[in-house]
Structure formats: C-alpha cells, structure tokens
Amino acid sequence: MTSPAMFRERVFPGLGWMVVGVGIIGMVSVAFGAALGNRAGWLMASTFLLTGGVLAWIRSPHVKVSVVGLHCGRAVLPWGAVGPARILEGSEITSARHGHHPDVRDIGYLVVPGWTTARAVLVPVLDDADPHSAWVIATRHPEALVASLTSPPLT
C-alpha cells in the first residue's frame, strides 16, 4: 500500500527550455522538409516533438515527501536521517554541487538538472553510515518542500 504524499513535484523543464526545444525542432524539420519534401519535414517534426516530450518526462526528477521519508526518484532518505532543511539560491547551489559548501562535507546526493530554476533545498543527512553528507534537491517550490520536511508525520 502506498502512503499519501505531503509534498510531490516533478521538476519538469520550464517554458523557456520548451520554446528553445520547439524552435530547434522546427528549424531541423524545415530543413528536412526543404530537402526531402513536406511530408518528410512534418514526419521529422512530429517524431522529434514526441520523442523530446517523452524524454523530458522520463528525465525529470520526481521529488516526494511521505510518511516513509524523502523520495528523489528511486532514492529514499528515511525520516530518521533527515536533518534540518534549508533553501539554497544562486552560488550556494554551485558550491554545494562541488562540495565546497560548509554544510556539505563531500559531494552530496544531487538532484539538480540543468534546466531548473536557481533555487534548491539542502537536506543534511544525519546517518553516519550514509555515503552522502547532504542531499541537494532542485525545486520550484522550495518553501513548501522545507515546510513538509520540518516535522515527520505521525504514522
């Protein structure tokens, strides 16, 4: 039985990235259409748009907070290992990515795709057996994610 989620988000590419992707697909499709005919151009456009949409959906990280703990994709951080979360912005994300942030002793577990906004949440890992000192999770709703991590749910 699955537990209800207190926070759930799929970090999908934003509108700007979609406009760029559709523009590139349009240029390639027009080139194919000019060289091989309209049918080839429309076939390329529909194939690339469908493939690009499916790949963007598959590659978008899924972040969830439930009664079990914090889920990022298939990785799970149980409630007993979740430290006090805080929001990172701008250069703090870069320093956390490279292990130079004061709250990250090493390279942390990163869920920060290149298309995300400049905001993330740093979640310290309290379990000494865990190979990562912190999780850095990109999100469009960092305040909601931090709020959902402040107190574990009653089971």
Protein backbone atom coordinates (compact mmCIF):
# COMPACT_ATOMS: atom_id res chain seq x y z
CA MET A 1 0.00 0.00 0.00
CA THR A 2 1.37 3.41 -0.92
CA SER A 3 1.43 6.23 1.57
CA PRO A 4 -0.09 9.64 0.84
CA ALA A 5 2.41 12.29 -0.15
CA MET A 6 2.75 15.50 1.83
CA PHE A 7 4.76 17.09 -0.99
CA ARG A 8 5.03 15.95 -4.59
CA GLU A 9 6.68 17.59 -7.58
CA ARG A 10 8.07 16.57 -10.93
CA VAL A 11 10.85 19.03 -11.82
CA PHE A 12 9.89 19.43 -15.49
CA PRO A 13 11.74 21.83 -17.84
CA GLY A 14 10.32 25.34 -17.82
CA LEU A 15 8.63 27.26 -20.59
CA GLY A 16 11.88 28.83 -21.80
CA TRP A 17 13.50 25.44 -22.37
CA MET A 18 10.40 24.19 -24.18
CA VAL A 19 10.39 27.21 -26.51
CA VAL A 20 14.08 26.64 -27.33
CA GLY A 21 13.46 22.91 -27.94
CA VAL A 22 10.46 23.53 -30.20
CA GLY A 23 12.45 26.20 -32.08
CA ILE A 24 15.33 23.82 -32.77
CA ILE A 25 12.96 21.04 -33.79
CA GLY A 26 11.16 23.49 -36.08
CA MET A 27 14.41 24.56 -37.78
CA VAL A 28 15.52 20.95 -38.33
CA SER A 29 12.08 20.00 -39.63
CA VAL A 30 12.00 22.90 -42.08
CA ALA A 31 15.46 21.91 -43.34
CA PHE A 32 14.34 18.30 -43.86
CA GLY A 33 11.12 19.50 -45.46
CA ALA A 34 13.02 21.73 -47.90
CA ALA A 35 15.45 18.96 -48.81
CA LEU A 36 13.13 15.94 -48.86
CA GLY A 37 9.61 17.34 -49.18
CA ASN A 38 6.84 18.49 -46.87
CA ARG A 39 5.89 15.00 -45.74
CA ALA A 40 9.44 14.32 -44.50
CA GLY A 41 9.51 17.65 -42.67
CA TRP A 42 6.20 17.01 -40.88
CA LEU A 43 7.28 13.45 -40.06
CA MET A 44 10.54 14.73 -38.54
CA ALA A 45 8.71 17.43 -36.57
CA SER A 46 6.17 15.01 -35.09
CA THR A 47 8.82 12.37 -34.33
CA PHE A 48 11.18 14.85 -32.63
CA LEU A 49 8.38 16.54 -30.65
CA LEU A 50 7.01 13.23 -29.40
CA THR A 51 10.47 11.86 -28.57
CA GLY A 52 11.54 15.12 -26.89
CA GLY A 53 8.39 15.24 -24.78
CA VAL A 54 8.75 11.63 -23.66
CA LEU A 55 12.44 12.09 -22.83
CA ALA A 56 11.76 15.29 -20.88
CA TRP A 57 9.08 13.48 -18.87
CA ILE A 58 11.29 10.46 -18.17
CA ARG A 59 14.39 12.51 -17.26
CA SER A 60 12.53 14.95 -14.99
CA PRO A 61 13.27 14.13 -11.35
CA HIS A 62 10.33 13.28 -9.14
CA VAL A 63 10.52 14.61 -5.56
CA LYS A 64 8.11 13.37 -2.87
CA VAL A 65 7.79 13.60 0.91
CA SER A 66 5.71 10.85 2.51
CA VAL A 67 5.40 9.02 5.82
CA VAL A 68 8.42 6.92 4.79
CA GLY A 69 10.70 9.91 4.21
CA LEU A 70 12.10 11.97 1.35
CA HIS A 71 11.99 10.35 -2.10
CA CYS A 72 14.00 11.59 -5.09
CA GLY A 73 13.50 9.25 -8.00
CA ARG A 74 14.17 5.79 -6.59
CA ALA A 75 16.35 7.03 -3.72
CA VAL A 76 14.76 7.31 -0.27
CA LEU A 77 16.05 9.18 2.77
CA PRO A 78 14.15 7.88 5.84
CA TRP A 79 12.84 10.34 8.42
CA GLY A 80 15.48 9.32 10.96
CA ALA A 81 18.22 10.55 8.65
CA VAL A 82 16.57 13.83 7.54
CA GLY A 83 18.33 16.87 9.01
CA PRO A 84 17.07 20.47 9.17
CA ALA A 85 16.43 21.53 5.57
CA ARG A 86 17.15 24.99 4.22
CA ILE A 87 16.82 26.82 0.91
CA LEU A 88 19.84 27.41 -1.33
CA GLU A 89 19.99 30.07 -4.03
CA GLY A 90 22.41 31.06 -6.78
CA SER A 91 26.08 30.49 -5.99
CA GLU A 92 25.25 28.37 -2.93
CA ILE A 93 23.91 25.67 -5.26
CA THR A 94 27.14 25.72 -7.28
CA SER A 95 29.29 25.45 -4.16
CA ALA A 96 27.13 22.58 -2.85
CA ARG A 97 27.42 20.78 -6.21
CA HIS A 98 31.21 20.85 -5.96
CA GLY A 99 31.41 20.01 -2.27
CA HIS A 100 32.62 23.50 -1.25
CA HIS A 101 29.54 24.44 0.74
CA PRO A 102 30.08 24.49 4.53
CA ASP A 103 27.08 22.19 5.09
CA VAL A 104 28.27 19.60 2.55
CA ARG A 105 31.38 17.69 3.65
CA ASP A 106 31.75 15.94 0.31
CA ILE A 107 29.93 15.69 -2.96
CA GLY A 108 26.32 15.36 -1.84
CA TYR A 109 23.48 13.49 -3.47
CA LEU A 110 22.42 15.91 -6.21
CA VAL A 111 19.01 16.15 -7.82
CA VAL A 112 19.71 19.32 -9.81
CA PRO A 113 19.02 19.01 -13.55
CA GLY A 114 20.47 21.74 -15.76
CA TRP A 115 17.11 23.21 -16.72
CA THR A 116 15.92 24.01 -13.22
CA THR A 117 15.47 27.36 -11.57
CA ALA A 118 18.17 28.86 -9.37
CA ARG A 119 16.63 27.53 -6.14
CA ALA A 120 17.20 24.29 -4.32
CA VAL A 121 16.84 22.72 -0.89
CA LEU A 122 19.76 21.38 1.12
CA VAL A 123 18.84 18.45 3.36
CA PRO A 124 21.64 17.33 5.72
CA VAL A 125 21.89 13.56 6.18
CA LEU A 126 22.11 12.61 9.87
CA ASP A 127 23.01 8.94 9.24
CA ASP A 128 26.80 8.49 9.53
CA ALA A 129 26.60 5.25 7.52
CA ASP A 130 25.21 7.13 4.50
CA PRO A 131 27.94 7.96 1.95
CA HIS A 132 26.47 11.44 1.34
CA SER A 133 26.57 14.24 3.87
CA ALA A 134 23.60 16.07 2.30
CA TRP A 135 21.01 15.97 -0.46
CA VAL A 136 20.70 18.99 -2.76
CA ILE A 137 17.29 18.98 -4.46
CA ALA A 138 16.18 21.47 -7.11
CA THR A 139 12.54 22.51 -6.84
CA ARG A 140 10.21 25.26 -8.00
CA HIS A 141 8.57 25.28 -4.55
CA PRO A 142 11.42 25.27 -2.01
CA GLU A 143 9.34 26.81 0.79
CA ALA A 144 6.74 24.04 0.51
CA LEU A 145 9.43 21.33 0.44
CA VAL A 146 11.19 22.75 3.52
CA ALA A 147 7.83 23.06 5.32
CA SER A 148 6.99 19.42 4.58
CA LEU A 149 10.40 18.35 5.96
CA THR A 150 10.17 20.30 9.24
CA SER A 151 8.30 17.61 11.16
CA PRO A 152 7.86 13.93 10.35
CA PRO A 153 4.27 12.77 10.00
CA LEU A 154 2.60 10.65 12.63
CA THR A 155 2.38 7.03 11.48
